[in-house]
Every structure is written in structure tokens, then in C-alpha cells.
C-alpha atoms as a PDB file:
ATOM      1  CA  UNK A   1     -23.197   2.265  12.652  1.00  0.00           C
ATOM      2  CA  UNK A   2     -22.731   6.379  10.807  1.00  0.00           C
ATOM      3  CA  UNK A   3     -25.408   9.088  10.823  1.00  0.00           C
ATOM      4  CA  UNK A   4     -25.869  10.313   7.504  1.00  0.00           C
ATOM      5  CA  UNK A   5     -26.592  12.994   8.167  1.00  0.00           C
ATOM      6  CA  UNK A   6     -23.368  15.050   6.485  1.00  0.00           C
ATOM      7  CA  UNK A   7     -22.628  16.389   9.294  1.00  0.00           C
ATOM      8  CA  UNK A   8     -19.316  16.757  11.160  1.00  0.00           C
ATOM      9  CA  UNK A   9     -15.803  16.398   9.301  1.00  0.00           C
ATOM     10  CA  UNK A  10     -14.189  13.624   7.309  1.00  0.00           C
ATOM     11  CA  UNK A  11     -12.261  11.817   9.842  1.00  0.00           C
ATOM     12  CA  UNK A  12      -8.661  11.485   9.361  1.00  0.00           C
ATOM     13  CA  UNK A  13      -6.533   8.594   8.880  1.00  0.00           C
ATOM     14  CA  UNK A  14      -5.017   7.493  11.933  1.00  0.00           C
ATOM     15  CA  UNK A  15      -1.373   7.115  10.480  1.00  0.00           C
ATOM     16  CA  UNK A  16      -1.580  10.337   9.113  1.00  0.00           C
ATOM     17  CA  UNK A  17      -1.900  11.638  12.684  1.00  0.00           C
ATOM     18  CA  UNK A  18       1.102   9.560  14.262  1.00  0.00           C
ATOM     19  CA  UNK A  19       2.879  11.136  10.878  1.00  0.00           C
ATOM     20  CA  UNK A  20       1.780  14.083  11.509  1.00  0.00           C
ATOM     21  CA  UNK A  21       2.496  14.505  15.639  1.00  0.00           C
ATOM     22  CA  UNK A  22       5.990  13.311  15.106  1.00  0.00           C
ATOM     23  CA  UNK A  23       7.316  15.518  12.314  1.00  0.00           C
ATOM     24  CA  UNK A  24       5.357  18.381  15.063  1.00  0.00           C
ATOM     25  CA  UNK A  25       7.665  17.060  17.607  1.00  0.00           C
ATOM     26  CA  UNK A  26      11.040  16.186  16.250  1.00  0.00           C
ATOM     27  CA  UNK A  27      10.198  20.197  15.170  1.00  0.00           C
ATOM     28  CA  UNK A  28       9.108  21.676  18.042  1.00  0.00           C
ATOM     29  CA  UNK A  29       5.894  23.208  16.705  1.00  0.00           C
ATOM     30  CA  UNK A  30       2.547  23.630  18.361  1.00  0.00           C
ATOM     31  CA  UNK A  31      -0.867  22.116  17.286  1.00  0.00           C
ATOM     32  CA  UNK A  32      -1.729  25.180  15.030  1.00  0.00           C
ATOM     33  CA  UNK A  33       1.581  25.800  13.591  1.00  0.00           C
ATOM     34  CA  UNK A  34       1.301  22.186  12.805  1.00  0.00           C
ATOM     35  CA  UNK A  35      -2.211  22.530  10.873  1.00  0.00           C
ATOM     36  CA  UNK A  36      -0.285  25.208   8.358  1.00  0.00           C
ATOM     37  CA  UNK A  37       2.911  23.491   8.139  1.00  0.00           C
ATOM     38  CA  UNK A  38       1.032  20.406   6.960  1.00  0.00           C
ATOM     39  CA  UNK A  39      -1.072  23.257   4.363  1.00  0.00           C
ATOM     40  CA  UNK A  40       2.028  25.161   3.759  1.00  0.00           C
ATOM     41  CA  UNK A  41       5.476  22.627   3.662  1.00  0.00           C
ATOM     42  CA  UNK A  42       5.466  20.537   1.252  1.00  0.00           C
ATOM     43  CA  UNK A  43       8.302  18.318   1.980  1.00  0.00           C
ATOM     44  CA  UNK A  44       5.297  18.079   4.994  1.00  0.00           C
ATOM     45  CA  UNK A  45       2.508  16.922   2.417  1.00  0.00           C
ATOM     46  CA  UNK A  46       4.622  14.451   0.642  1.00  0.00           C
ATOM     47  CA  UNK A  47       5.446  12.539   4.030  1.00  0.00           C
ATOM     48  CA  UNK A  48       0.935  13.191   5.258  1.00  0.00           C
ATOM     49  CA  UNK A  49       0.212  12.177   1.730  1.00  0.00           C
ATOM     50  CA  UNK A  50      -1.682  14.683   1.351  1.00  0.00           C
ATOM     51  CA  UNK A  51       0.663  16.487  -1.336  1.00  0.00           C
ATOM     52  CA  UNK A  52      -0.766  19.667  -3.571  1.00  0.00           C
ATOM     53  CA  UNK A  53      -3.364  20.130  -0.673  1.00  0.00           C
ATOM     54  CA  UNK A  54      -4.388  23.809  -0.042  1.00  0.00           C
ATOM     55  CA  UNK A  55      -6.421  22.901   3.455  1.00  0.00           C
ATOM     56  CA  UNK A  56      -5.435  20.938   6.513  1.00  0.00           C
ATOM     57  CA  UNK A  57      -5.321  17.394   6.284  1.00  0.00           C
ATOM     58  CA  UNK A  58      -6.529  17.634   9.828  1.00  0.00           C
ATOM     59  CA  UNK A  59      -7.838  20.881  12.503  1.00  0.00           C
ATOM     60  CA  UNK A  60      -5.825  21.732  15.370  1.00  0.00           C
ATOM     61  CA  UNK A  61      -8.675  20.013  17.613  1.00  0.00           C
ATOM     62  CA  UNK A  62      -8.062  16.559  15.854  1.00  0.00           C
ATOM     63  CA  UNK A  63      -4.580  16.596  16.483  1.00  0.00           C
ATOM     64  CA  UNK A  64      -5.188  16.784  20.080  1.00  0.00           C
ATOM     65  CA  UNK A  65      -7.348  14.423  20.741  1.00  0.00           C
ATOM     66  CA  UNK A  66      -5.913  11.949  18.982  1.00  0.00           C
ATOM     67  CA  UNK A  67      -2.913  12.460  20.779  1.00  0.00           C
ATOM     68  CA  UNK A  68      -4.387  12.284  24.150  1.00  0.00           C
ATOM     69  CA  UNK A  69      -5.746   8.635  23.042  1.00  0.00           C
ATOM     70  CA  UNK A  70      -2.184   7.902  22.246  1.00  0.00           C
ATOM     71  CA  UNK A  71      -1.585   9.401  25.958  1.00  0.00           C
ATOM     72  CA  UNK A  72      -4.142   7.367  27.974  1.00  0.00           C
ATOM     73  CA  UNK A  73      -3.988   4.772  25.641  1.00  0.00           C
ATOM     74  CA  UNK A  74       0.183   4.157  26.323  1.00  0.00           C
ATOM     75  CA  UNK A  75       0.564   4.611  22.161  1.00  0.00           C
ATOM     76  CA  UNK A  76       2.618   7.790  22.425  1.00  0.00           C
ATOM     77  CA  UNK A  77       4.896   5.792  24.646  1.00  0.00           C
ATOM     78  CA  UNK A  78       5.192   3.032  21.635  1.00  0.00           C
ATOM     79  CA  UNK A  79       4.369   5.102  18.937  1.00  0.00           C
ATOM     80  CA  UNK A  80       8.278   6.756  19.934  1.00  0.00           C
ATOM     81  CA  UNK A  81       9.700   3.191  20.318  1.00  0.00           C
ATOM     82  CA  UNK A  82       8.726   2.361  17.400  1.00  0.00           C
ATOM     83  CA  UNK A  83       9.584   5.081  14.753  1.00  0.00           C
ATOM     84  CA  UNK A  84      13.372   5.132  16.646  1.00  0.00           C
ATOM     85  CA  UNK A  85      13.539   1.167  16.328  1.00  0.00           C
ATOM     86  CA  UNK A  86      12.981   1.364  12.524  1.00  0.00           C
ATOM     87  CA  UNK A  87      14.874   4.236  12.176  1.00  0.00           C
ATOM     88  CA  UNK A  88      18.120   2.101  13.987  1.00  0.00           C
ATOM     89  CA  UNK A  89      17.126  -0.836  10.903  1.00  0.00           C
ATOM     90  CA  UNK A  90      17.330   2.163   8.338  1.00  0.00           C
ATOM     91  CA  UNK A  91      20.763   2.931   9.097  1.00  0.00           C
ATOM     92  CA  UNK A  92      19.165   6.626  10.174  1.00  0.00           C
ATOM     93  CA  UNK A  93      20.131   6.468  13.642  1.00  0.00           C
ATOM     94  CA  UNK A  94      23.459   5.972  14.792  1.00  0.00           C
ATOM     95  CA  UNK A  95      24.702   5.140  17.792  1.00  0.00           C
ATOM     96  CA  UNK A  96      27.165   8.284  18.588  1.00  0.00           C
ATOM     97  CA  UNK A  97      25.592  11.720  18.912  1.00  0.00           C
ATOM     98  CA  UNK A  98      26.840  13.879  16.058  1.00  0.00           C
ATOM     99  CA  UNK A  99      28.987  16.158  17.059  1.00  0.00           C
ATOM    100  CA  UNK A 100      28.451  20.368  15.787  1.00  0.00           C
ATOM    101  CA  UNK A 101      30.628  22.672  15.094  1.00  0.00           C
END
């Protein structure tokens, strides 16, 4: 199915890219910033399953391509809906917004 030339990048797990998109959206980061943060922030590395990585676990292009494929198949909305469902079920989201002082 794939050529054995060794050319190209290793495939990135879709779950890792989905989690990166959620983190990126939550923090309002650009694709470039998301790639850099995945290398520089241990919290991101823990969530993305690449703790101790010294190289980015994905490229800007991989992140953009994944986002475009999600949008093309309406899976971007499903990803967000499912994330909210799980957070509510686990009590991570309350029904009332928190007041800030």
C-alpha cells in the first residue's frame, strides 16, 4: 500500500492531532504556535502523549491538513460536541458560567 522509500514524514496519530486542535482552539494559538508549544510546554506534551519530545510531534502542514479534512466531513463540529459531552459527563463543565471578579 505504501512505498518503502523512506521518503516523507511518519504519519501522525489522528487522536493526537485532534487533541492538538482542541488545545490550539482553547488557547487561540496559530498553527505555528501550536507546533512550538507542543515542544516547549510539558503540559501539552503530557496531553499529546509525547512527554520529553525535543522535536515537534506534528508539522504545521499536518495540523492544517487534518483540520481541513475534519471540516470537509463535518467532523470538526462532532469533535467539539463530543468533547463537551464528555466534559459534562465527567463534571468538568457546569451549566452556569463562572463569574469573574
